Amino acid sequence: MTLTELRYIVTLAQEQHFGRAADRCHVSQPTLSIAVKKLEDELGVALFERTKTRVQPTPLGEQIVAQAHRVLEQTAAIKDIADAGKDQLSSPLAVGAIFTIGPYLLPQFIPHLQKLASRMPLYVEEGYTATLGKKLRNGELDVIIVALPFTEPDVVTQPLFDESFVVLMPHNHPLANRDAIDPRDLDDQDVLLLGEGHCFRDQVLATCPHLQSTEERASQRIHTAAEGSTLETLRHMVASGLGITILPLSAAQTSLYAPNLLVTRPFTEPAPKRTLALAWRASFPRHKAIDVLRKAIQVSSEAYWNYSTQREPGASGLMVENNQW
């Protein structure tokens, strides 16, 4: 029994498909299949029930996979402890970011991070919140940038800043004449949202519940972009005249279009918003790496300055761990 085999069965249980599990493990499908069968033969039990369309753990397999998951977490903790004895700003840092923040925040903070920790190699990955959470727990990522609420066992979160939502629309849209948009003004509008699985979609619907007062009304008024779409896709759809959309402020501030083609309007108070945060394993020992990442993000983000000014009018400088500078 090897750690590699344990990683294979954990991934296979998550994906329930040999091909996808092999891709995630960066091996061929036959290699993964042979390794799983070898472990089953060694243990003398069937870990997975195989059909033509699906692979799922047996009841006993679920227990073994859960234990394997714990073993892998502890293995990652051992590596973290070993890394603690090294220079915390010279080892690679694996950072994950949700799709709706990565394209807008990464280009801002990476140059600052390179100045603050020039010897620290950086690995960056974008993904869904659930996927990033799993990779964080498994030790594949060291820290992730997500929107709160985010709850995982043995994971620490710390807010970075609040980011307001705004309405994006064509410049000649009737609502463009208003200084601010009441959420109920969207009741009879064609509102474009991300597909299922994006946490930003859930945040919008949670803060503007009238958009889905009933399933029937929601289906009539909310147009969903194709699954896997991005905020940029929504922007293009708005530019094409297909409707209006709601974006986080960072995504609304960049545009490839001619001036005045699209406009944004804030919401009336209390305006909907999201809180972005860093999340890392409680056992992760490289606190200096977390601190320098936080500092780079906050230095580069205008949203942070609005956040800190609103929450701590008398404060100066940036916020670090324990709110001390």
Protein backbone atom coordinates (compact mmCIF):
# COMPACT_ATOMS: atom_id res chain seq x y z
CA MET A 1 0.00 0.00 0.00
CA THR A 2 1.43 3.37 -1.05
CA LEU A 3 0.45 6.99 -0.68
CA THR A 4 0.08 7.13 -4.45
CA GLU A 5 -2.49 4.33 -4.37
CA LEU A 6 -4.37 6.11 -1.57
CA ARG A 7 -4.40 9.28 -3.63
CA TYR A 8 -5.75 7.31 -6.59
CA ILE A 9 -8.71 5.87 -4.67
CA VAL A 10 -9.56 9.21 -3.05
CA THR A 11 -9.56 10.92 -6.45
CA LEU A 12 -11.55 8.10 -8.05
CA ALA A 13 -14.16 8.33 -5.30
CA GLN A 14 -14.48 12.06 -5.94
CA GLU A 15 -14.66 11.84 -9.74
CA GLN A 16 -16.53 8.50 -10.01
CA HIS A 17 -14.91 8.09 -13.41
CA PHE A 18 -11.57 6.41 -14.22
CA GLY A 19 -10.70 8.79 -17.06
CA ARG A 20 -11.30 11.99 -15.10
CA ALA A 21 -9.53 10.58 -12.03
CA ALA A 22 -6.52 9.63 -14.16
CA ASP A 23 -6.40 13.12 -15.65
CA ARG A 24 -6.41 14.70 -12.19
CA CYS A 25 -3.63 12.36 -11.06
CA HIS A 26 -1.65 13.02 -14.27
CA VAL A 27 -1.39 9.33 -15.17
CA SER A 28 -2.91 7.14 -17.85
CA GLN A 29 -6.24 5.45 -17.21
CA PRO A 30 -4.71 1.92 -17.34
CA THR A 31 -2.09 2.95 -14.77
CA LEU A 32 -4.74 4.15 -12.35
CA SER A 33 -7.01 1.14 -12.97
CA ILE A 34 -4.17 -1.33 -12.34
CA ALA A 35 -3.12 0.48 -9.16
CA VAL A 36 -6.68 0.47 -7.77
CA LYS A 37 -7.10 -3.23 -8.58
CA LYS A 38 -3.73 -3.99 -6.96
CA LEU A 39 -4.82 -2.26 -3.76
CA GLU A 40 -8.13 -4.12 -3.78
CA ASP A 41 -6.26 -7.43 -4.17
CA GLU A 42 -3.91 -6.50 -1.35
CA LEU A 43 -6.78 -5.62 0.99
CA GLY A 44 -8.91 -8.53 -0.19
CA VAL A 45 -12.02 -6.37 -0.62
CA ALA A 46 -13.77 -4.53 -3.44
CA LEU A 47 -13.41 -0.79 -2.95
CA PHE A 48 -15.51 0.28 -5.94
CA GLU A 49 -18.63 -0.88 -7.72
CA ARG A 50 -18.05 -0.55 -11.46
CA THR A 51 -20.74 -0.08 -14.09
CA LYS A 52 -20.57 1.04 -17.71
CA THR A 53 -21.47 4.61 -16.81
CA ARG A 54 -20.28 5.09 -13.26
CA VAL A 55 -17.78 4.05 -10.62
CA GLN A 56 -18.78 4.46 -7.00
CA PRO A 57 -17.33 3.25 -3.69
CA THR A 58 -18.81 0.21 -1.99
CA PRO A 59 -20.01 0.77 1.61
CA LEU A 60 -16.71 -0.64 2.90
CA GLY A 61 -14.86 1.30 0.22
CA GLU A 62 -16.35 4.55 1.50
CA GLN A 63 -14.86 3.90 4.94
CA ILE A 64 -11.45 3.07 3.48
CA VAL A 65 -11.50 6.11 1.19
CA ALA A 66 -12.36 8.34 4.17
CA GLN A 67 -9.41 6.94 6.11
CA ALA A 68 -7.15 7.35 3.07
CA HIS A 69 -8.26 10.98 2.88
CA ARG A 70 -7.20 11.51 6.50
CA VAL A 71 -3.85 9.85 5.84
CA LEU A 72 -3.19 12.17 2.91
CA GLU A 73 -4.10 15.20 5.02
CA GLN A 74 -1.63 14.13 7.68
CA THR A 75 1.01 13.54 5.03
CA ALA A 76 0.51 17.09 3.82
CA ALA A 77 0.86 18.28 7.43
CA ILE A 78 4.21 16.47 7.72
CA LYS A 79 5.44 18.27 4.61
CA ASP A 80 4.22 21.56 6.06
CA ILE A 81 6.15 20.95 9.28
CA ALA A 82 9.29 20.18 7.30
CA ASP A 83 8.84 23.34 5.24
CA ALA A 84 8.57 25.36 8.45
CA GLY A 85 12.25 24.72 9.09
CA LYS A 86 13.18 26.29 5.77
CA ASP A 87 13.03 29.87 4.62
CA GLN A 88 9.29 30.54 4.51
CA LEU A 89 9.65 32.92 1.57
CA SER A 90 11.82 30.71 -0.64
CA SER A 91 9.64 27.59 -1.00
CA PRO A 92 6.90 27.53 -3.67
CA LEU A 93 3.48 28.86 -2.67
CA ALA A 94 0.45 27.27 -4.35
CA VAL A 95 -2.42 29.79 -4.51
CA GLY A 96 -5.95 29.06 -5.69
CA ALA A 97 -8.59 31.64 -6.64
CA ILE A 98 -12.24 31.35 -7.59
CA PHE A 99 -13.06 32.02 -11.23
CA THR A 100 -14.84 35.30 -10.52
CA ILE A 101 -11.86 36.93 -8.80
CA GLY A 102 -8.77 35.34 -10.36
CA PRO A 103 -8.69 37.22 -13.69
CA TYR A 104 -9.12 40.58 -11.98
CA LEU A 105 -7.09 40.25 -8.77
CA LEU A 106 -4.15 38.07 -9.89
CA PRO A 107 -2.67 40.58 -12.37
CA GLN A 108 -2.86 43.27 -9.69
CA PHE A 109 -1.18 41.53 -6.77
CA ILE A 110 1.37 39.23 -8.44
CA PRO A 111 3.80 42.08 -9.32
CA HIS A 112 3.61 43.31 -5.70
CA LEU A 113 4.13 39.78 -4.39
CA GLN A 114 7.20 39.35 -6.60
CA LYS A 115 8.68 42.50 -5.08
CA LEU A 116 7.89 41.48 -1.51
CA ALA A 117 9.06 37.86 -1.89
CA SER A 118 11.28 37.72 -4.97
CA ARG A 119 12.64 34.25 -4.13
CA MET A 120 9.25 32.59 -3.57
CA PRO A 121 8.05 30.65 -6.65
CA LEU A 122 4.31 31.04 -7.21
CA TYR A 123 1.86 28.45 -8.54
CA VAL A 124 -1.60 29.80 -9.38
CA GLU A 125 -4.79 27.87 -10.12
CA GLU A 126 -8.38 28.95 -10.72
CA GLY A 127 -11.39 26.82 -9.89
CA TYR A 128 -14.79 26.48 -8.27
CA THR A 129 -14.96 27.03 -4.52
CA ALA A 130 -15.71 23.35 -3.81
CA THR A 131 -12.80 22.18 -5.97
CA LEU A 132 -10.37 24.62 -4.39
CA GLY A 133 -11.54 23.58 -0.93
CA LYS A 134 -10.77 19.92 -1.64
CA LYS A 135 -7.35 20.72 -3.02
CA LEU A 136 -6.60 22.88 -0.01
CA ARG A 137 -7.50 20.06 2.37
CA ASN A 138 -5.48 17.56 0.33
CA GLY A 139 -2.38 19.77 0.39
CA GLU A 140 -2.43 20.44 -3.37
CA LEU A 141 -2.93 24.15 -2.63
CA ASP A 142 -1.47 26.14 0.27
CA VAL A 143 -3.91 29.06 0.36
CA ILE A 144 -7.01 30.01 -1.59
CA ILE A 145 -8.89 33.23 -2.28
CA VAL A 146 -12.63 32.69 -1.89
CA ALA A 147 -15.82 34.53 -1.03
CA LEU A 148 -17.30 34.12 2.44
CA PRO A 149 -18.99 32.20 3.87
CA PHE A 150 -16.47 29.39 3.48
CA THR A 151 -16.40 26.58 6.03
CA GLU A 152 -14.00 23.65 5.98
CA PRO A 153 -12.77 21.61 8.96
CA ASP A 154 -9.30 22.64 10.18
CA VAL A 155 -9.17 25.60 7.79
CA VAL A 156 -8.53 29.20 8.88
CA THR A 157 -10.16 32.11 7.03
CA GLN A 158 -9.38 35.80 7.24
CA PRO A 159 -11.33 38.53 5.41
CA LEU A 160 -9.49 40.69 2.89
CA PHE A 161 -12.09 43.26 1.86
CA ASP A 162 -15.70 43.77 0.85
CA GLU A 163 -16.53 44.18 -2.82
CA SER A 164 -19.78 45.77 -3.97
CA PHE A 165 -21.95 44.41 -6.76
CA VAL A 166 -22.91 46.70 -9.63
CA VAL A 167 -25.30 46.46 -12.57
CA LEU A 168 -23.76 46.39 -16.05
CA MET A 169 -25.96 47.52 -18.93
CA PRO A 170 -25.85 49.14 -22.39
CA HIS A 171 -25.44 52.91 -22.23
CA ASN A 172 -28.89 53.45 -23.75
CA HIS A 173 -30.73 51.12 -21.35
CA PRO A 174 -33.64 52.80 -19.49
CA LEU A 175 -32.03 52.07 -16.12
CA ALA A 176 -28.88 53.91 -17.19
CA ASN A 177 -30.70 57.17 -16.43
CA ARG A 178 -30.72 56.35 -12.72
CA ASP A 179 -27.91 57.17 -10.31
CA ALA A 180 -28.47 53.94 -8.36
CA ILE A 181 -30.47 50.78 -8.93
CA ASP A 182 -32.97 49.39 -6.46
CA PRO A 183 -32.79 45.57 -6.63
CA ARG A 184 -36.52 45.48 -7.34
CA ASP A 185 -35.90 47.52 -10.50
CA LEU A 186 -34.56 44.27 -11.96
CA ASP A 187 -37.83 42.39 -11.56
CA ASP A 188 -38.92 42.93 -15.15
CA GLN A 189 -35.45 42.91 -16.73
CA ASP A 190 -33.55 40.23 -18.65
CA VAL A 191 -30.87 39.44 -16.06
CA LEU A 192 -27.93 37.34 -17.24
CA LEU A 193 -26.28 35.15 -14.60
CA LEU A 194 -23.52 32.57 -14.49
CA GLY A 195 -24.42 28.90 -14.76
CA GLU A 196 -25.03 26.52 -11.87
CA GLY A 197 -21.94 25.77 -9.80
CA HIS A 198 -20.59 29.31 -9.66
CA CYS A 199 -20.68 30.69 -6.13
CA PHE A 200 -21.12 34.22 -7.47
CA ARG A 201 -24.47 33.20 -8.97
CA ASP A 202 -25.57 31.96 -5.55
CA GLN A 203 -24.35 35.18 -3.91
CA VAL A 204 -26.32 37.33 -6.34
CA LEU A 205 -29.50 35.32 -5.81
CA ALA A 206 -28.96 35.38 -2.05
CA THR A 207 -28.56 39.15 -1.90
CA CYS A 208 -31.28 39.80 -4.50
CA PRO A 209 -33.82 37.13 -3.52
CA HIS A 210 -36.62 38.82 -5.44
CA LEU A 211 -34.87 37.68 -8.64
CA GLN A 212 -36.08 34.17 -7.85
CA SER A 213 -39.20 34.78 -5.80
CA THR A 214 -40.62 31.69 -7.43
CA GLU A 215 -39.08 29.21 -9.82
CA GLU A 216 -41.61 30.07 -12.47
CA ARG A 217 -40.93 33.81 -12.34
CA ALA A 218 -37.19 33.22 -12.16
CA SER A 219 -37.24 31.07 -15.28
CA GLN A 220 -39.04 33.86 -17.10
CA ARG A 221 -36.73 36.67 -16.03
CA ILE A 222 -33.29 35.17 -15.50
CA HIS A 223 -31.26 34.08 -18.48
CA THR A 224 -28.40 31.77 -17.58
CA ALA A 225 -25.21 31.80 -19.61
CA ALA A 226 -24.03 28.43 -20.86
CA GLU A 227 -22.47 26.16 -18.25
CA GLY A 228 -18.81 26.95 -17.73
CA SER A 229 -19.21 30.58 -18.81
CA THR A 230 -17.33 33.44 -17.23
CA LEU A 231 -18.03 36.99 -16.17
CA GLU A 232 -16.41 38.07 -19.42
CA THR A 233 -19.00 35.99 -21.30
CA LEU A 234 -21.74 37.89 -19.47
CA ARG A 235 -20.09 41.18 -20.39
CA HIS A 236 -20.02 40.17 -24.07
CA MET A 237 -23.67 39.14 -23.93
CA VAL A 238 -24.64 42.50 -22.45
CA ALA A 239 -22.63 44.27 -25.14
CA SER A 240 -24.57 42.23 -27.71
CA GLY A 241 -27.86 43.54 -26.35
CA LEU A 242 -29.06 40.29 -24.77
CA GLY A 243 -29.80 41.81 -21.38
CA ILE A 244 -28.12 43.24 -18.30
CA THR A 245 -26.04 41.56 -15.63
CA ILE A 246 -24.70 41.94 -12.11
CA LEU A 247 -20.93 41.94 -11.62
CA PRO A 248 -18.51 42.37 -8.74
CA LEU A 249 -16.91 45.80 -8.93
CA SER A 250 -13.46 44.45 -9.89
CA ALA A 251 -14.91 42.70 -12.94
CA ALA A 252 -16.88 45.78 -14.00
CA GLN A 253 -13.90 48.12 -14.03
CA THR A 254 -12.20 46.54 -17.06
CA SER A 255 -13.56 46.57 -20.59
CA LEU A 256 -12.43 45.93 -24.15
CA TYR A 257 -15.26 47.93 -25.68
CA ALA A 258 -15.48 51.42 -27.08
CA PRO A 259 -16.09 54.16 -24.50
CA ASN A 260 -19.71 54.57 -23.38
CA LEU A 261 -20.89 51.32 -24.97
CA LEU A 262 -21.51 49.84 -21.51
CA VAL A 263 -22.17 51.59 -18.21
CA THR A 264 -22.34 50.46 -14.61
CA ARG A 265 -24.63 51.64 -11.87
CA PRO A 266 -24.35 50.94 -8.13
CA PHE A 267 -27.18 49.53 -6.08
CA THR A 268 -29.08 51.61 -3.56
CA GLU A 269 -28.08 51.10 0.06
CA PRO A 270 -27.75 48.64 1.59
CA ALA A 271 -25.93 47.55 -1.55
CA PRO A 272 -25.29 43.83 -2.11
CA LYS A 273 -21.66 42.83 -1.78
CA ARG A 274 -19.35 39.92 -1.12
CA THR A 275 -16.47 39.53 1.31
CA LEU A 276 -13.30 38.08 -0.15
CA ALA A 277 -11.02 36.14 2.15
CA LEU A 278 -7.89 34.04 2.35
CA ALA A 279 -8.27 30.44 3.55
CA TRP A 280 -5.47 28.08 4.56
CA ARG A 281 -5.00 24.93 6.58
CA ALA A 282 -4.68 25.52 10.31
CA SER A 283 -1.57 23.32 10.26
CA PHE A 284 0.13 25.33 7.50
CA PRO A 285 3.31 26.65 9.18
CA ARG A 286 4.45 29.29 6.67
CA HIS A 287 2.72 32.26 8.29
CA LYS A 288 5.15 34.72 6.72
CA ALA A 289 4.11 33.52 3.26
CA ILE A 290 0.44 34.06 4.14
CA ASP A 291 1.20 37.52 5.52
CA VAL A 292 3.16 38.63 2.46
CA LEU A 293 0.41 37.33 0.14
CA ARG A 294 -2.22 39.23 2.11
CA LYS A 295 -0.13 42.37 2.04
CA ALA A 296 0.37 42.14 -1.75
CA ILE A 297 -3.36 41.69 -2.33
CA GLN A 298 -4.38 44.54 -0.09
CA VAL A 299 -1.76 46.96 -1.40
CA SER A 300 -2.93 46.32 -4.96
CA SER A 301 -6.69 46.53 -4.41
CA GLU A 302 -8.69 49.74 -4.34
CA ALA A 303 -11.55 47.74 -2.84
CA TYR A 304 -9.42 47.10 0.24
CA TRP A 305 -8.92 50.79 0.87
CA ASN A 306 -12.66 51.39 0.73
CA TYR A 307 -13.14 48.45 3.07
CA SER A 308 -10.56 49.57 5.62
CA THR A 309 -11.70 53.20 5.51
CA GLN A 310 -15.32 52.21 6.14
CA ARG A 311 -14.50 49.79 8.94
CA GLU A 312 -11.57 51.54 10.60
CA PRO A 313 -11.72 55.28 9.82
CA GLY A 314 -8.75 56.08 12.05
CA ALA A 315 -6.47 53.30 10.87
CA SER A 316 -3.41 53.85 8.77
CA GLY A 317 -1.37 51.43 6.72
CA LEU A 318 -2.55 47.93 5.85
CA MET A 319 -4.20 45.19 7.85
CA VAL A 320 -2.22 42.07 8.70
CA GLU A 321 -2.82 39.07 10.91
CA ASN A 322 -4.30 40.06 14.28
CA ASN A 323 -5.16 43.47 12.75
CA GLN A 324 -1.77 44.90 13.77
CA TRP A 325 0.88 46.67 11.71
